[in-house]
């Protein structure tokens, strides 16, 4: 299989500051040119042979997941390369990849995603968490772009803050959004005739430990609560040299 190289992300210090203060940041043109073309080709190839309905319990939305970063080289290069390096920059230290793949929201699936955050569902505890959501097709509001409650990641209570000023982030193909697992988010449905195609990758600080919550990724590993997450299942990623 062809090995693709993706440039390191050109993040600004203002991007990092905004992420840490707001719990979410949009990074324009994270992927472009050949990198974007190859990622989109790989996504369609995975969709053709591997796509399966995937029920997102966090958002109450049926998506189609495809691709495995362990076997798809283009996807692996993305999630261990520029996306992981960006996540490490936002955290300010090494991160571990928890999962990464392609996600599709089918055309005319107009059920919205409810307001939620990921942290109450995550099977790990970590000082920091980052989710990367990168558009491989244009994602305007009518195709189900994401909305957020900025600064909701600062709420450490069991019930996240569900009210307050929100921000909606339509994306052009190649744009990325990074958000904290505690940041409240939601999305509209896809009312267009084209699918929403994204790369989704979730990262956790290098100190992450298993907390015993059920999850399809950690359940087969037979871990005990408190066990550090690492090794080949959760590879370590450092920030790229500046």
C-alpha atoms as a PDB file:
ATOM      1  CA  UNK A   1       0.000   0.000   0.000  1.00  0.00           C
ATOM      2  CA  UNK A   2       1.187   3.519  -0.788  1.00  0.00           C
ATOM      3  CA  UNK A   3       2.699   5.332   2.192  1.00  0.00           C
ATOM      4  CA  UNK A   4       1.422   8.891   2.512  1.00  0.00           C
ATOM      5  CA  UNK A   5       3.242  11.693   4.284  1.00  0.00           C
ATOM      6  CA  UNK A   6       1.294  14.494   5.870  1.00  0.00           C
ATOM      7  CA  UNK A   7       2.934  17.789   6.871  1.00  0.00           C
ATOM      8  CA  UNK A   8       3.211  18.696  10.534  1.00  0.00           C
ATOM      9  CA  UNK A   9       0.449  21.100  11.585  1.00  0.00           C
ATOM     10  CA  UNK A  10       1.253  24.805  11.427  1.00  0.00           C
ATOM     11  CA  UNK A  11      -0.391  25.831  14.686  1.00  0.00           C
ATOM     12  CA  UNK A  12      -0.260  29.376  16.006  1.00  0.00           C
ATOM     13  CA  UNK A  13       0.287  30.151  19.658  1.00  0.00           C
ATOM     14  CA  UNK A  14      -3.127  31.821  19.524  1.00  0.00           C
ATOM     15  CA  UNK A  15      -4.644  28.455  18.507  1.00  0.00           C
ATOM     16  CA  UNK A  16      -3.150  26.803  21.570  1.00  0.00           C
ATOM     17  CA  UNK A  17      -4.256  29.638  23.851  1.00  0.00           C
ATOM     18  CA  UNK A  18      -7.792  29.549  22.451  1.00  0.00           C
ATOM     19  CA  UNK A  19      -8.027  25.784  22.886  1.00  0.00           C
ATOM     20  CA  UNK A  20      -6.931  25.926  26.513  1.00  0.00           C
ATOM     21  CA  UNK A  21      -9.200  28.843  27.394  1.00  0.00           C
ATOM     22  CA  UNK A  22     -12.291  27.899  25.397  1.00  0.00           C
ATOM     23  CA  UNK A  23     -12.026  24.093  25.282  1.00  0.00           C
ATOM     24  CA  UNK A  24     -12.405  24.142  21.489  1.00  0.00           C
ATOM     25  CA  UNK A  25     -10.594  25.653  18.513  1.00  0.00           C
ATOM     26  CA  UNK A  26     -11.030  25.544  14.739  1.00  0.00           C
ATOM     27  CA  UNK A  27      -7.825  25.147  12.698  1.00  0.00           C
ATOM     28  CA  UNK A  28      -8.295  26.101   9.020  1.00  0.00           C
ATOM     29  CA  UNK A  29      -6.591  24.046   6.305  1.00  0.00           C
ATOM     30  CA  UNK A  30      -5.158  21.450   8.634  1.00  0.00           C
ATOM     31  CA  UNK A  31      -5.127  19.185   5.579  1.00  0.00           C
ATOM     32  CA  UNK A  32      -4.741  20.490   2.042  1.00  0.00           C
ATOM     33  CA  UNK A  33      -3.505  19.548  -1.414  1.00  0.00           C
ATOM     34  CA  UNK A  34      -2.286  15.984  -1.844  1.00  0.00           C
ATOM     35  CA  UNK A  35      -2.716  15.245   1.850  1.00  0.00           C
ATOM     36  CA  UNK A  36      -6.435  16.032   1.721  1.00  0.00           C
ATOM     37  CA  UNK A  37      -6.923  14.175  -1.571  1.00  0.00           C
ATOM     38  CA  UNK A  38      -5.274  10.989  -0.274  1.00  0.00           C
ATOM     39  CA  UNK A  39      -7.200  11.122   3.010  1.00  0.00           C
ATOM     40  CA  UNK A  40     -10.501  11.463   1.160  1.00  0.00           C
ATOM     41  CA  UNK A  41      -9.601   8.613  -1.224  1.00  0.00           C
ATOM     42  CA  UNK A  42      -8.722   6.383   1.737  1.00  0.00           C
ATOM     43  CA  UNK A  43     -11.996   7.269   3.455  1.00  0.00           C
ATOM     44  CA  UNK A  44     -14.083   6.314   0.419  1.00  0.00           C
ATOM     45  CA  UNK A  45     -12.126   3.087  -0.015  1.00  0.00           C
ATOM     46  CA  UNK A  46     -12.744   2.166   3.619  1.00  0.00           C
ATOM     47  CA  UNK A  47     -16.408   3.113   3.309  1.00  0.00           C
ATOM     48  CA  UNK A  48     -16.819   0.912   0.244  1.00  0.00           C
ATOM     49  CA  UNK A  49     -15.573  -2.233   1.981  1.00  0.00           C
ATOM     50  CA  UNK A  50     -15.821  -1.689   5.730  1.00  0.00           C
ATOM     51  CA  UNK A  51     -18.516   0.831   6.670  1.00  0.00           C
ATOM     52  CA  UNK A  52     -20.887  -0.359   9.366  1.00  0.00           C
ATOM     53  CA  UNK A  53     -23.612   1.453  11.299  1.00  0.00           C
ATOM     54  CA  UNK A  54     -22.192   2.832  14.507  1.00  0.00           C
ATOM     55  CA  UNK A  55     -24.469   4.042  17.293  1.00  0.00           C
ATOM     56  CA  UNK A  56     -22.902   6.987  19.046  1.00  0.00           C
ATOM     57  CA  UNK A  57     -24.277   6.704  22.588  1.00  0.00           C
ATOM     58  CA  UNK A  58     -22.760  10.088  23.419  1.00  0.00           C
ATOM     59  CA  UNK A  59     -24.738  11.889  20.761  1.00  0.00           C
ATOM     60  CA  UNK A  60     -27.666   9.549  20.106  1.00  0.00           C
ATOM     61  CA  UNK A  61     -26.787   9.521  16.400  1.00  0.00           C
ATOM     62  CA  UNK A  62     -26.343   6.655  13.960  1.00  0.00           C
ATOM     63  CA  UNK A  63     -23.135   7.124  11.976  1.00  0.00           C
ATOM     64  CA  UNK A  64     -21.129   4.853   9.708  1.00  0.00           C
ATOM     65  CA  UNK A  65     -17.644   4.008  10.890  1.00  0.00           C
ATOM     66  CA  UNK A  66     -14.890   2.784   8.586  1.00  0.00           C
ATOM     67  CA  UNK A  67     -11.137   2.339   8.627  1.00  0.00           C
ATOM     68  CA  UNK A  68      -8.741   1.062  11.261  1.00  0.00           C
ATOM     69  CA  UNK A  69      -5.631   3.095  12.012  1.00  0.00           C
ATOM     70  CA  UNK A  70      -3.705  -0.118  12.680  1.00  0.00           C
ATOM     71  CA  UNK A  71      -4.203  -1.441   9.146  1.00  0.00           C
ATOM     72  CA  UNK A  72      -4.952   1.610   6.980  1.00  0.00           C
ATOM     73  CA  UNK A  73      -1.623   3.368   6.388  1.00  0.00           C
ATOM     74  CA  UNK A  74      -3.098   6.690   5.293  1.00  0.00           C
ATOM     75  CA  UNK A  75      -5.282   6.810   8.398  1.00  0.00           C
ATOM     76  CA  UNK A  76      -2.360   5.737  10.579  1.00  0.00           C
ATOM     77  CA  UNK A  77      -0.161   8.512   9.167  1.00  0.00           C
ATOM     78  CA  UNK A  78      -2.893  11.049   9.898  1.00  0.00           C
ATOM     79  CA  UNK A  79      -3.733  10.105  13.480  1.00  0.00           C
ATOM     80  CA  UNK A  80      -0.138   9.458  14.568  1.00  0.00           C
ATOM     81  CA  UNK A  81       1.175  12.377  12.495  1.00  0.00           C
ATOM     82  CA  UNK A  82      -0.372  15.850  12.192  1.00  0.00           C
ATOM     83  CA  UNK A  83      -3.505  15.194  14.258  1.00  0.00           C
ATOM     84  CA  UNK A  84      -1.600  13.601  17.122  1.00  0.00           C
ATOM     85  CA  UNK A  85       1.112  16.262  17.003  1.00  0.00           C
ATOM     86  CA  UNK A  86      -1.548  18.971  17.210  1.00  0.00           C
ATOM     87  CA  UNK A  87      -3.185  17.198  20.163  1.00  0.00           C
ATOM     88  CA  UNK A  88       0.184  17.066  21.956  1.00  0.00           C
ATOM     89  CA  UNK A  89       0.668  20.789  21.303  1.00  0.00           C
ATOM     90  CA  UNK A  90      -2.733  21.622  22.793  1.00  0.00           C
ATOM     91  CA  UNK A  91      -2.053  19.472  25.863  1.00  0.00           C
ATOM     92  CA  UNK A  92       1.503  20.747  26.206  1.00  0.00           C
ATOM     93  CA  UNK A  93       3.051  17.292  26.441  1.00  0.00           C
ATOM     94  CA  UNK A  94       2.920  13.743  25.056  1.00  0.00           C
ATOM     95  CA  UNK A  95      -0.446  12.156  24.339  1.00  0.00           C
ATOM     96  CA  UNK A  96      -1.610   8.634  23.581  1.00  0.00           C
ATOM     97  CA  UNK A  97      -3.959   7.752  20.750  1.00  0.00           C
ATOM     98  CA  UNK A  98      -7.123   6.096  22.041  1.00  0.00           C
ATOM     99  CA  UNK A  99      -8.902   5.575  18.719  1.00  0.00           C
ATOM    100  CA  UNK A 100      -9.029   6.930  15.188  1.00  0.00           C
ATOM    101  CA  UNK A 101     -11.116   6.286  12.093  1.00  0.00           C
ATOM    102  CA  UNK A 102     -13.340   7.699   9.382  1.00  0.00           C
ATOM    103  CA  UNK A 103     -16.937   8.624  10.153  1.00  0.00           C
ATOM    104  CA  UNK A 104     -19.766   9.213   7.704  1.00  0.00           C
ATOM    105  CA  UNK A 105     -23.162  10.800   8.319  1.00  0.00           C
ATOM    106  CA  UNK A 106     -25.412   9.637   5.491  1.00  0.00           C
ATOM    107  CA  UNK A 107     -27.346  12.061   3.287  1.00  0.00           C
ATOM    108  CA  UNK A 108     -30.840  13.019   4.435  1.00  0.00           C
ATOM    109  CA  UNK A 109     -30.233  11.742   7.965  1.00  0.00           C
ATOM    110  CA  UNK A 110     -31.696  14.777   9.638  1.00  0.00           C
ATOM    111  CA  UNK A 111     -31.799  13.613  13.270  1.00  0.00           C
ATOM    112  CA  UNK A 112     -29.730  16.092  15.295  1.00  0.00           C
ATOM    113  CA  UNK A 113     -27.110  15.091  17.849  1.00  0.00           C
ATOM    114  CA  UNK A 114     -28.106  16.056  21.390  1.00  0.00           C
ATOM    115  CA  UNK A 115     -25.991  18.217  23.680  1.00  0.00           C
ATOM    116  CA  UNK A 116     -23.442  16.096  25.479  1.00  0.00           C
ATOM    117  CA  UNK A 117     -19.813  15.724  26.489  1.00  0.00           C
ATOM    118  CA  UNK A 118     -17.616  12.641  26.147  1.00  0.00           C
ATOM    119  CA  UNK A 119     -15.911  12.597  29.533  1.00  0.00           C
ATOM    120  CA  UNK A 120     -18.693  10.798  31.476  1.00  0.00           C
ATOM    121  CA  UNK A 121     -18.464   7.890  29.016  1.00  0.00           C
ATOM    122  CA  UNK A 122     -14.696   7.630  28.546  1.00  0.00           C
ATOM    123  CA  UNK A 123     -13.108   4.406  29.884  1.00  0.00           C
ATOM    124  CA  UNK A 124     -10.016   6.282  31.004  1.00  0.00           C
ATOM    125  CA  UNK A 125      -8.987   9.004  33.430  1.00  0.00           C
ATOM    126  CA  UNK A 126      -6.347  11.475  32.269  1.00  0.00           C
ATOM    127  CA  UNK A 127      -5.207  14.959  33.168  1.00  0.00           C
ATOM    128  CA  UNK A 128      -6.037  16.133  29.631  1.00  0.00           C
ATOM    129  CA  UNK A 129      -8.016  14.804  26.677  1.00  0.00           C
ATOM    130  CA  UNK A 130      -8.317  16.025  23.073  1.00  0.00           C
ATOM    131  CA  UNK A 131     -10.643  14.998  20.259  1.00  0.00           C
ATOM    132  CA  UNK A 132      -9.729  15.841  16.657  1.00  0.00           C
ATOM    133  CA  UNK A 133     -12.572  16.169  14.122  1.00  0.00           C
ATOM    134  CA  UNK A 134     -11.308  16.906  10.597  1.00  0.00           C
ATOM    135  CA  UNK A 135     -13.602  17.501   7.625  1.00  0.00           C
ATOM    136  CA  UNK A 136     -12.796  15.591   4.439  1.00  0.00           C
ATOM    137  CA  UNK A 137     -15.796  17.175   2.700  1.00  0.00           C
ATOM    138  CA  UNK A 138     -17.326  20.605   3.221  1.00  0.00           C
ATOM    139  CA  UNK A 139     -19.434  20.573   6.392  1.00  0.00           C
ATOM    140  CA  UNK A 140     -21.807  23.554   6.408  1.00  0.00           C
ATOM    141  CA  UNK A 141     -24.577  23.839   8.979  1.00  0.00           C
ATOM    142  CA  UNK A 142     -27.029  21.889   6.822  1.00  0.00           C
ATOM    143  CA  UNK A 143     -24.591  18.943   6.653  1.00  0.00           C
ATOM    144  CA  UNK A 144     -24.305  18.633  10.425  1.00  0.00           C
ATOM    145  CA  UNK A 145     -21.401  20.792  11.552  1.00  0.00           C
ATOM    146  CA  UNK A 146     -20.562  20.900  15.255  1.00  0.00           C
ATOM    147  CA  UNK A 147     -21.682  23.453  17.824  1.00  0.00           C
ATOM    148  CA  UNK A 148     -20.068  23.942  21.231  1.00  0.00           C
ATOM    149  CA  UNK A 149     -20.462  25.642  24.576  1.00  0.00           C
ATOM    150  CA  UNK A 150     -17.065  27.328  24.982  1.00  0.00           C
ATOM    151  CA  UNK A 151     -15.476  27.014  28.419  1.00  0.00           C
ATOM    152  CA  UNK A 152     -17.842  24.228  29.452  1.00  0.00           C
ATOM    153  CA  UNK A 153     -14.736  22.028  29.823  1.00  0.00           C
ATOM    154  CA  UNK A 154     -13.995  23.908  33.030  1.00  0.00           C
ATOM    155  CA  UNK A 155     -17.065  22.430  34.713  1.00  0.00           C
ATOM    156  CA  UNK A 156     -15.773  19.577  36.860  1.00  0.00           C
ATOM    157  CA  UNK A 157     -19.185  18.534  38.173  1.00  0.00           C
ATOM    158  CA  UNK A 158     -20.993  15.347  37.256  1.00  0.00           C
ATOM    159  CA  UNK A 159     -23.591  17.266  35.224  1.00  0.00           C
ATOM    160  CA  UNK A 160     -22.091  19.455  32.480  1.00  0.00           C
ATOM    161  CA  UNK A 161     -23.298  22.993  31.986  1.00  0.00           C
ATOM    162  CA  UNK A 162     -25.939  22.851  29.229  1.00  0.00           C
ATOM    163  CA  UNK A 163     -26.736  26.541  28.934  1.00  0.00           C
ATOM    164  CA  UNK A 164     -24.736  29.559  27.835  1.00  0.00           C
ATOM    165  CA  UNK A 165     -23.461  31.289  24.683  1.00  0.00           C
ATOM    166  CA  UNK A 166     -22.686  28.765  21.962  1.00  0.00           C
ATOM    167  CA  UNK A 167     -20.549  28.752  18.834  1.00  0.00           C
ATOM    168  CA  UNK A 168     -21.272  26.887  15.587  1.00  0.00           C
ATOM    169  CA  UNK A 169     -18.288  25.920  13.420  1.00  0.00           C
ATOM    170  CA  UNK A 170     -18.980  25.178   9.740  1.00  0.00           C
ATOM    171  CA  UNK A 171     -15.915  23.703   8.042  1.00  0.00           C
ATOM    172  CA  UNK A 172     -14.417  23.596   4.588  1.00  0.00           C
ATOM    173  CA  UNK A 173     -12.808  20.338   3.503  1.00  0.00           C
ATOM    174  CA  UNK A 174      -9.456  20.092   5.292  1.00  0.00           C
ATOM    175  CA  UNK A 175     -10.427  22.251   8.274  1.00  0.00           C
ATOM    176  CA  UNK A 176     -10.151  20.710  11.727  1.00  0.00           C
ATOM    177  CA  UNK A 177     -11.780  21.188  15.108  1.00  0.00           C
ATOM    178  CA  UNK A 178     -10.092  20.138  18.351  1.00  0.00           C
ATOM    179  CA  UNK A 179     -12.054  19.979  21.586  1.00  0.00           C
ATOM    180  CA  UNK A 180     -11.685  18.807  25.164  1.00  0.00           C
ATOM    181  CA  UNK A 181     -13.666  15.702  26.167  1.00  0.00           C
ATOM    182  CA  UNK A 182     -15.483  17.791  28.795  1.00  0.00           C
ATOM    183  CA  UNK A 183     -16.576  20.461  26.298  1.00  0.00           C
ATOM    184  CA  UNK A 184     -20.313  20.257  25.602  1.00  0.00           C
ATOM    185  CA  UNK A 185     -21.129  19.823  21.913  1.00  0.00           C
ATOM    186  CA  UNK A 186     -23.925  18.886  19.519  1.00  0.00           C
ATOM    187  CA  UNK A 187     -24.667  18.865  15.794  1.00  0.00           C
ATOM    188  CA  UNK A 188     -27.559  19.263  13.409  1.00  0.00           C
ATOM    189  CA  UNK A 189     -28.606  16.508  11.052  1.00  0.00           C
ATOM    190  CA  UNK A 190     -27.491  16.129   7.457  1.00  0.00           C
ATOM    191  CA  UNK A 191     -30.287  17.520   5.290  1.00  0.00           C
ATOM    192  CA  UNK A 192     -28.179  17.557   2.099  1.00  0.00           C
ATOM    193  CA  UNK A 193     -27.770  14.967  -0.638  1.00  0.00           C
ATOM    194  CA  UNK A 194     -24.061  14.466   0.162  1.00  0.00           C
ATOM    195  CA  UNK A 195     -22.518  12.560   3.096  1.00  0.00           C
ATOM    196  CA  UNK A 196     -20.601  14.237   5.884  1.00  0.00           C
ATOM    197  CA  UNK A 197     -17.099  12.709   5.843  1.00  0.00           C
ATOM    198  CA  UNK A 198     -14.652  13.271   8.694  1.00  0.00           C
ATOM    199  CA  UNK A 199     -11.606  11.824  10.400  1.00  0.00           C
ATOM    200  CA  UNK A 200     -12.228  11.378  14.119  1.00  0.00           C
ATOM    201  CA  UNK A 201      -9.359  10.728  16.534  1.00  0.00           C
ATOM    202  CA  UNK A 202      -9.364  10.779  20.326  1.00  0.00           C
ATOM    203  CA  UNK A 203      -6.268  11.410  22.423  1.00  0.00           C
ATOM    204  CA  UNK A 204      -5.476  11.306  26.125  1.00  0.00           C
ATOM    205  CA  UNK A 205      -2.526  12.595  28.131  1.00  0.00           C
ATOM    206  CA  UNK A 206       0.291  10.094  28.628  1.00  0.00           C
ATOM    207  CA  UNK A 207      -0.750   9.552  32.264  1.00  0.00           C
ATOM    208  CA  UNK A 208      -4.093   7.960  31.271  1.00  0.00           C
ATOM    209  CA  UNK A 209      -5.326   4.975  33.272  1.00  0.00           C
ATOM    210  CA  UNK A 210      -8.255   2.628  32.717  1.00  0.00           C
ATOM    211  CA  UNK A 211     -11.223   3.453  34.946  1.00  0.00           C
ATOM    212  CA  UNK A 212     -13.358   0.348  34.381  1.00  0.00           C
ATOM    213  CA  UNK A 213     -16.128   1.894  32.289  1.00  0.00           C
ATOM    214  CA  UNK A 214     -17.297  -0.409  29.485  1.00  0.00           C
ATOM    215  CA  UNK A 215     -16.003   0.405  26.003  1.00  0.00           C
ATOM    216  CA  UNK A 216     -15.574  -1.618  22.820  1.00  0.00           C
ATOM    217  CA  UNK A 217     -11.873  -0.731  22.630  1.00  0.00           C
ATOM    218  CA  UNK A 218     -10.808  -1.544  26.178  1.00  0.00           C
ATOM    219  CA  UNK A 219     -13.235  -4.380  26.995  1.00  0.00           C
ATOM    220  CA  UNK A 220     -11.280  -7.068  25.051  1.00  0.00           C
ATOM    221  CA  UNK A 221      -8.009  -6.160  26.805  1.00  0.00           C
ATOM    222  CA  UNK A 222      -8.989  -7.548  30.209  1.00  0.00           C
ATOM    223  CA  UNK A 223      -7.667  -4.548  32.112  1.00  0.00           C
ATOM    224  CA  UNK A 224      -8.129  -3.878  35.806  1.00  0.00           C
ATOM    225  CA  UNK A 225      -9.219  -0.428  36.923  1.00  0.00           C
ATOM    226  CA  UNK A 226      -6.190   1.775  37.493  1.00  0.00           C
ATOM    227  CA  UNK A 227      -4.066   0.048  34.858  1.00  0.00           C
ATOM    228  CA  UNK A 228      -1.979   2.515  32.782  1.00  0.00           C
ATOM    229  CA  UNK A 229      -2.969   2.669  29.115  1.00  0.00           C
ATOM    230  CA  UNK A 230       0.022   2.324  26.816  1.00  0.00           C
ATOM    231  CA  UNK A 231       1.945   0.000  24.548  1.00  0.00           C
ATOM    232  CA  UNK A 232       0.955  -0.848  21.001  1.00  0.00           C
ATOM    233  CA  UNK A 233      -2.741  -0.381  21.678  1.00  0.00           C
ATOM    234  CA  UNK A 234      -2.320   3.251  22.762  1.00  0.00           C
ATOM    235  CA  UNK A 235       0.843   4.636  21.110  1.00  0.00           C
ATOM    236  CA  UNK A 236       2.667   7.666  22.468  1.00  0.00           C
ATOM    237  CA  UNK A 237       2.840  10.824  20.337  1.00  0.00           C
ATOM    238  CA  UNK A 238       4.982  13.902  20.925  1.00  0.00           C
ATOM    239  CA  UNK A 239       4.606  17.415  19.608  1.00  0.00           C
ATOM    240  CA  UNK A 240       6.501  18.005  16.365  1.00  0.00           C
ATOM    241  CA  UNK A 241       9.640  20.161  16.621  1.00  0.00           C
ATOM    242  CA  UNK A 242       8.799  23.841  16.171  1.00  0.00           C
END
